[in-house]
Amino acid sequence: MFSTFAKTGLAALIALGGISFTAPAASAASDVQLRVQVRDGYGHGQGWGRPGRPNRGCAPWLAEEKASRMGIRRARVVDVSPRRVVVAGFDRHGRDRVVFANERGCPVIRR
């Protein structure tokens, strides 16, 4: 019974001693620091500091091929603007045109 109390008391002394040693270290670590970092603005994404590739948009030849796969015969590009690419040609019923967005992959706006 006495050995249990002795071990408990010894453990309490060790715990209190540990707290007294960590208190000065904690108070010394409360310094306030201010840091200013200047970065190039690109971050650490894909490319690591190089600017991204420009948006190439819809290539006219790709729009013609896509219109041909949609059933337009003798497809040709008749208008290219920053927003759209217009392809004209013929289908089963006569003249037809397809309007593609000038984005990657040439999504169809209007048929």
Foldseek 3Di string as FASTA:
>chain_A
DVVVVVVVVVVVVVVVVVVVVVVVVVVVPPDDDDDDDDDPPPPCDPPGPDDDDDFQFDDQVNVQVVVVVVAFPPWHWDDDDQFWTKIWGAHPVGIDIWIFGRGPPGHTDGD
